[in-house]
Amino acid sequence: MRRRAITLNPQAQVFLDGFLEFEAAFPPIEERDPAAWRNALSALQAGAAAAGMGPPVHAEEDRTIPGPGGEIPVRIMKPGPGDSYPLLVWYHGGGWVIGDLNSGVDAVRLLANVANCAVVSVDYRLAPEHPYPAPLDDCYAALEWAVANAAELGVDASQVAVGGDSAGGNLAAVVSQKARDEGGPAIAFQLLVCPVTDSDFDRPSYHEFGDPKYLLSSEMMRWFWRQYVGDGDMTDPRVAPLRAESFEGLPAAHMVISGYDVLRDEGLAYAERLAEAGVDVTVVREDDQPHDFWMALGMIDAAERGVAEAARELTRAFQQA
């Protein structure tokens, strides 16, 4: 029996049309200047963050914390005046090359409010100026800092989660593996939204949805990998967490998988590896959505629904921690 084709969500198409209009101002990805692209996107996202597509959090503070390569900018969000909130350490997406604290900030604020948790969002160093392992080192250092400074932050160090979207999901997955392997901070939960988990560009979803009209093209993903890893080993589990030898003992996970996404198949494969290792994992498939549709909160109904579902899983994990 042939599977019925699923049509791209009309709201998602409007979002993609806007993204393609933005992309039209830049040369092909192979000729693109990372800094110029990054700066233009940051300006766009700063305007969107200021406008806000959802309720603000009770308190929001931008500051810097010490890191292995210098100061790391972070944004601390709290849903109320309390002093013992669960904590989500969040890593933004952008192929390890673009993005900042305003990337997807409306979704992160909504997570904080609905899950009633504090968030430390991390503006880690970016490639190609700072290739692997710099982004990972910053992300792990920020987790350690947040746990060590739990009392000052007003959070409960026994209720800690990590999360991220796209490349941020990759970093959250690797941070979880690193913490397990090195006896680092106890992580109760990982929230992985459309994550990068592998460097195999020959999966069916790469062939089905690699066209630029679906936001994240196969060429763009290859380019991101080259910026991040350079001449390094793209099969190293510290960049391709699907290739880890063992998934046992990893934190419970909630994964969001888009259908119109080159990363669909590697995301599903990661969820399968977690489940096979006995890790509690929930998977939400949005088969009519493009990559990282959470960025379109306020435009795509599925984004708000997805954040609410993730918040429920966060709350459940915190209660069990």
Protein backbone atom coordinates (compact mmCIF):
# COMPACT_ATOMS: atom_id res chain seq x y z
CA MET A 1 0.00 0.00 0.00
CA ARG A 2 1.34 3.42 -0.94
CA ARG A 3 1.46 5.98 1.83
CA ARG A 4 -0.66 9.03 1.12
CA ALA A 5 1.47 12.11 0.55
CA ILE A 6 1.12 14.72 3.28
CA THR A 7 0.70 18.28 2.07
CA LEU A 8 2.81 21.04 3.56
CA ASN A 9 0.80 23.01 6.10
CA PRO A 10 -0.52 26.28 4.57
CA GLN A 11 0.65 28.32 7.57
CA ALA A 12 4.09 26.79 7.17
CA GLN A 13 4.12 27.76 3.51
CA VAL A 14 3.55 31.41 4.43
CA PHE A 15 6.47 31.19 6.87
CA LEU A 16 8.69 29.59 4.22
CA ASP A 17 7.76 32.23 1.66
CA GLY A 18 8.98 34.92 4.07
CA PHE A 19 12.20 33.03 4.75
CA LEU A 20 12.89 32.58 1.04
CA GLU A 21 12.39 36.30 0.51
CA PHE A 22 15.03 36.96 3.19
CA GLU A 23 17.37 34.38 1.65
CA ALA A 24 17.07 35.95 -1.81
CA ALA A 25 19.23 38.86 -0.63
CA PHE A 26 22.25 36.56 -0.23
CA PRO A 27 24.48 34.69 -2.68
CA PRO A 28 24.35 30.88 -2.94
CA ILE A 29 25.37 29.14 0.26
CA GLU A 30 28.80 28.12 -1.06
CA GLU A 31 29.64 31.78 -1.74
CA ARG A 32 28.11 33.20 1.41
CA ASP A 33 29.97 35.24 4.00
CA PRO A 34 29.00 33.73 7.38
CA ALA A 35 29.42 36.98 9.32
CA ALA A 36 27.27 39.04 6.93
CA TRP A 37 24.52 36.43 6.95
CA ARG A 38 24.72 36.12 10.72
CA ASN A 39 24.49 39.88 11.27
CA ALA A 40 21.51 40.29 8.95
CA LEU A 41 19.63 37.46 10.63
CA SER A 42 20.46 38.81 14.09
CA ALA A 43 19.02 42.21 13.15
CA LEU A 44 15.85 40.55 11.85
CA GLN A 45 15.45 38.40 14.95
CA ALA A 46 16.14 41.30 17.30
CA GLY A 47 13.18 43.15 15.80
CA ALA A 48 10.96 40.11 16.09
CA ALA A 49 12.04 39.52 19.69
CA ALA A 50 11.24 43.11 20.62
CA ALA A 51 7.78 42.83 19.07
CA GLY A 52 7.10 39.56 20.88
CA MET A 53 4.62 36.94 19.71
CA GLY A 54 3.66 35.72 23.15
CA PRO A 55 3.50 36.68 26.82
CA PRO A 56 6.74 37.91 28.38
CA VAL A 57 8.36 36.14 31.28
CA HIS A 58 8.29 37.65 34.77
CA ALA A 59 11.99 38.51 34.72
CA GLU A 60 14.62 38.46 31.99
CA GLU A 61 18.28 39.37 32.38
CA ASP A 62 21.15 39.37 29.89
CA ARG A 63 24.59 38.91 31.41
CA THR A 64 27.91 37.20 30.78
CA ILE A 65 29.43 34.23 32.56
CA PRO A 66 33.00 32.87 32.53
CA GLY A 67 33.75 30.37 29.80
CA PRO A 68 36.69 28.39 28.42
CA GLY A 69 37.30 30.94 25.64
CA GLY A 70 36.20 34.11 27.39
CA GLU A 71 32.89 35.50 28.57
CA ILE A 72 29.73 33.72 27.38
CA PRO A 73 26.58 35.82 26.96
CA VAL A 74 23.50 34.23 28.51
CA ARG A 75 19.89 35.23 29.01
CA ILE A 76 18.23 34.23 32.27
CA MET A 77 14.45 33.95 32.27
CA LYS A 78 12.17 33.30 35.23
CA PRO A 79 8.41 32.79 35.13
CA GLY A 80 7.78 34.34 38.55
CA PRO A 81 9.36 35.71 41.73
CA GLY A 82 10.15 32.30 43.26
CA ASP A 83 13.60 31.08 44.26
CA SER A 84 13.51 27.33 43.61
CA TYR A 85 12.49 26.79 40.00
CA PRO A 86 13.44 23.82 37.87
CA LEU A 87 16.01 24.81 35.25
CA LEU A 88 16.20 24.43 31.48
CA VAL A 89 19.55 25.23 29.86
CA TRP A 90 18.75 26.13 26.25
CA TYR A 91 20.96 26.14 23.15
CA HIS A 92 19.70 27.98 20.06
CA GLY A 93 19.82 26.62 16.52
CA GLY A 94 21.52 27.98 13.42
CA GLY A 95 23.86 25.31 12.09
CA TRP A 96 26.55 26.25 14.65
CA VAL A 97 27.14 29.33 12.44
CA ILE A 98 24.21 31.73 12.88
CA GLY A 99 21.75 32.57 15.63
CA ASP A 100 21.89 34.23 19.02
CA LEU A 101 19.84 34.76 22.18
CA ASN A 102 16.92 36.11 20.13
CA SER A 103 16.65 33.00 17.98
CA GLY A 104 13.29 31.39 18.70
CA VAL A 105 13.04 33.44 21.89
CA ASP A 106 9.23 33.50 21.88
CA ALA A 107 9.14 29.70 22.05
CA VAL A 108 11.70 29.71 24.87
CA ARG A 109 9.72 32.28 26.86
CA LEU A 110 6.58 30.22 26.38
CA LEU A 111 8.39 27.12 27.61
CA ALA A 112 9.44 28.98 30.75
CA ASN A 113 5.91 30.17 31.43
CA VAL A 114 4.04 26.95 30.67
CA ALA A 115 6.55 24.60 32.31
CA ASN A 116 7.02 27.05 35.20
CA CYS A 117 10.79 26.74 34.98
CA ALA A 118 13.74 29.09 34.78
CA VAL A 119 15.76 29.15 31.57
CA VAL A 120 19.40 29.93 30.95
CA SER A 121 19.76 30.51 27.21
CA VAL A 122 23.35 30.28 25.97
CA ASP A 123 24.96 32.42 23.26
CA TYR A 124 27.83 30.03 22.56
CA ARG A 125 30.71 30.84 20.19
CA LEU A 126 29.97 30.23 16.53
CA ALA A 127 31.79 28.62 13.61
CA PRO A 128 33.68 29.07 11.38
CA GLU A 129 35.51 31.62 13.55
CA HIS A 130 35.15 29.20 16.47
CA PRO A 131 34.76 25.64 15.12
CA TYR A 132 34.30 22.46 17.13
CA PRO A 133 34.86 22.06 20.03
CA ALA A 134 34.32 25.72 20.97
CA PRO A 135 30.49 25.75 20.74
CA LEU A 136 30.26 22.49 22.70
CA ASP A 137 32.75 23.69 25.30
CA ASP A 138 30.70 26.85 25.88
CA CYS A 139 27.45 24.91 26.16
CA TYR A 140 28.87 22.48 28.69
CA ALA A 141 30.52 25.27 30.67
CA ALA A 142 27.21 27.13 30.84
CA LEU A 143 25.50 24.02 32.22
CA GLU A 144 28.18 23.62 34.88
CA TRP A 145 27.97 27.32 35.76
CA ALA A 146 24.19 27.24 36.10
CA VAL A 147 24.28 24.23 38.42
CA ALA A 148 27.13 25.68 40.50
CA ASN A 149 25.25 28.98 40.86
CA ALA A 150 21.81 27.50 41.43
CA ALA A 151 21.22 29.36 44.70
CA GLU A 152 22.03 32.74 43.15
CA LEU A 153 19.82 31.98 40.16
CA GLY A 154 16.94 30.79 42.31
CA VAL A 155 16.82 27.33 40.76
CA ASP A 156 16.83 23.77 42.02
CA ALA A 157 20.05 22.03 40.96
CA SER A 158 18.35 18.64 41.29
CA GLN A 159 15.85 19.52 38.55
CA VAL A 160 17.90 20.36 35.47
CA ALA A 161 17.12 19.85 31.79
CA VAL A 162 18.92 20.75 28.59
CA GLY A 163 17.35 21.51 25.26
CA GLY A 164 17.76 23.09 21.89
CA ASP A 165 16.55 23.28 18.33
CA SER A 166 18.40 22.07 15.22
CA ALA A 167 22.14 22.52 15.89
CA GLY A 168 21.14 23.49 19.43
CA GLY A 169 19.44 20.11 19.71
CA ASN A 170 22.70 18.54 18.59
CA LEU A 171 24.56 20.39 21.31
CA ALA A 172 21.98 19.42 23.94
CA ALA A 173 22.27 15.75 22.96
CA VAL A 174 26.07 15.86 23.06
CA VAL A 175 26.07 17.74 26.37
CA SER A 176 23.86 14.99 27.80
CA GLN A 177 26.26 12.30 26.61
CA LYS A 178 29.28 14.24 27.87
CA ALA A 179 27.73 14.75 31.32
CA ARG A 180 26.98 11.02 31.55
CA ASP A 181 30.45 9.97 30.37
CA GLU A 182 32.39 12.44 32.53
CA GLY A 183 30.29 12.35 35.69
CA GLY A 184 29.09 15.90 35.10
CA PRO A 185 25.91 17.61 36.29
CA ALA A 186 22.89 15.36 36.67
CA ILE A 187 20.51 16.04 33.78
CA ALA A 188 16.92 14.94 34.26
CA PHE A 189 15.64 15.60 30.75
CA GLN A 190 16.63 16.57 27.23
CA LEU A 191 14.34 18.47 24.86
CA LEU A 192 15.47 17.96 21.26
CA VAL A 193 13.62 19.94 18.59
CA CYS A 194 14.43 18.94 14.99
CA PRO A 195 17.96 18.01 16.12
CA VAL A 196 21.06 17.37 14.05
CA THR A 197 22.23 13.93 15.18
CA ASP A 198 24.36 12.58 12.33
CA SER A 199 26.53 13.51 9.36
CA ASP A 200 25.03 11.00 6.91
CA PHE A 201 23.71 13.02 3.97
CA ASP A 202 22.31 10.00 2.12
CA ARG A 203 19.24 9.31 4.23
CA PRO A 204 15.90 9.38 2.36
CA SER A 205 14.82 12.65 3.98
CA TYR A 206 17.89 14.37 2.53
CA HIS A 207 16.77 13.36 -0.95
CA GLU A 208 13.08 14.12 -0.37
CA PHE A 209 13.38 17.53 1.30
CA GLY A 210 16.81 18.83 0.33
CA ASP A 211 15.44 21.59 -1.89
CA PRO A 212 16.00 25.15 -0.55
CA LYS A 213 12.26 25.78 -0.69
CA TYR A 214 11.95 23.69 2.50
CA LEU A 215 14.17 26.11 4.51
CA LEU A 216 17.11 23.80 5.33
CA SER A 217 18.54 22.47 2.07
CA SER A 218 20.91 19.53 1.79
CA GLU A 219 23.59 21.88 0.44
CA MET A 220 23.13 24.24 3.36
CA MET A 221 23.43 21.40 5.86
CA ARG A 222 26.64 20.16 4.28
CA TRP A 223 27.99 23.72 4.38
CA PHE A 224 27.10 24.05 8.07
CA TRP A 225 28.97 20.84 8.84
CA ARG A 226 32.06 22.06 7.01
CA GLN A 227 32.04 25.32 8.96
CA TYR A 228 31.68 23.49 12.27
CA VAL A 229 34.02 20.54 11.82
CA GLY A 230 36.36 21.71 9.05
CA ASP A 231 38.84 18.94 8.31
CA GLY A 232 37.87 17.12 11.49
CA ASP A 233 36.05 13.82 11.85
CA MET A 234 32.34 14.22 11.11
CA THR A 235 31.69 10.74 12.54
CA ASP A 236 32.99 11.63 16.01
CA PRO A 237 30.08 11.14 18.46
CA ARG A 238 30.88 14.54 19.97
CA VAL A 239 29.59 16.09 16.75
CA ALA A 240 27.36 13.23 15.54
CA PRO A 241 25.69 11.93 18.72
CA LEU A 242 23.78 9.21 16.87
CA ARG A 243 27.13 7.44 16.50
CA ALA A 244 27.69 7.12 20.26
CA GLU A 245 28.60 3.60 21.29
CA SER A 246 26.05 3.50 24.11
CA PHE A 247 22.78 5.28 24.81
CA GLU A 248 22.28 3.69 28.21
CA GLY A 249 21.97 6.01 31.17
CA LEU A 250 21.04 9.07 29.14
CA PRO A 251 18.33 11.44 30.38
CA ALA A 252 14.70 11.00 29.39
CA ALA A 253 13.94 12.83 26.18
CA HIS A 254 11.18 14.57 24.28
CA MET A 255 11.83 14.87 20.56
CA VAL A 256 10.03 16.99 17.99
CA ILE A 257 10.42 15.80 14.40
CA SER A 258 9.32 17.74 11.32
CA GLY A 259 8.18 15.88 8.22
CA TYR A 260 9.46 18.32 5.60
CA ASP A 261 12.99 18.28 6.96
CA VAL A 262 16.29 16.80 5.82
CA LEU A 263 16.92 15.96 9.49
CA ARG A 264 13.74 13.91 9.87
CA ASP A 265 15.30 10.46 9.51
CA GLU A 266 18.31 11.03 11.75
CA GLY A 267 15.98 12.43 14.42
CA LEU A 268 13.80 9.34 14.28
CA ALA A 269 16.91 7.16 14.38
CA TYR A 270 18.09 8.95 17.52
CA ALA A 271 14.75 8.38 19.21
CA GLU A 272 14.94 4.71 18.27
CA ARG A 273 18.42 4.34 19.76
CA LEU A 274 17.25 5.98 22.99
CA ALA A 275 14.25 3.66 23.23
CA GLU A 276 16.36 0.58 22.50
CA ALA A 277 18.62 1.56 25.41
CA GLY A 278 15.66 1.77 27.78
CA VAL A 279 15.57 5.57 27.90
CA ASP A 280 12.12 7.10 28.34
CA VAL A 281 11.54 9.01 25.09
CA THR A 282 8.46 10.65 23.63
CA VAL A 283 8.32 11.62 19.97
CA VAL A 284 6.02 14.18 18.40
CA ARG A 285 5.94 14.01 14.61
CA GLU A 286 4.65 17.03 12.75
CA ASP A 287 4.64 15.54 9.28
CA ASP A 288 3.24 18.63 7.54
CA GLN A 289 5.81 21.05 9.00
CA PRO A 290 9.24 22.24 7.82
CA HIS A 291 12.47 22.23 9.76
CA ASP A 292 12.44 24.10 13.07
CA PHE A 293 8.87 25.36 12.74
CA TRP A 294 8.97 26.44 16.40
CA MET A 295 10.71 29.58 15.13
CA ALA A 296 7.36 30.59 13.63
CA LEU A 297 5.46 30.81 16.90
CA GLY A 298 2.54 33.14 16.27
CA MET A 299 2.41 32.17 12.60
CA ILE A 300 2.07 28.39 12.81
CA ASP A 301 -0.48 26.90 15.21
CA ALA A 302 1.55 23.70 15.51
CA ALA A 303 4.40 25.68 17.05
CA GLU A 304 2.35 26.79 20.04
CA ARG A 305 0.88 23.31 20.39
CA GLY A 306 4.35 21.79 20.22
CA VAL A 307 5.71 24.07 22.91
CA ALA A 308 2.78 23.22 25.18
CA GLU A 309 3.36 19.49 24.67
CA ALA A 310 7.05 19.87 25.38
CA ALA A 311 6.31 21.91 28.50
CA ARG A 312 4.10 19.12 29.83
CA GLU A 313 6.90 16.61 29.33
CA LEU A 314 9.37 18.97 30.99
CA THR A 315 7.06 19.33 33.98
CA ARG A 316 6.62 15.56 34.24
CA ALA A 317 10.38 15.01 34.14
CA PHE A 318 11.03 17.67 36.78
CA GLN A 319 8.44 16.10 39.08
CA GLN A 320 10.18 12.74 38.76
CA ALA A 321 13.70 14.12 39.27
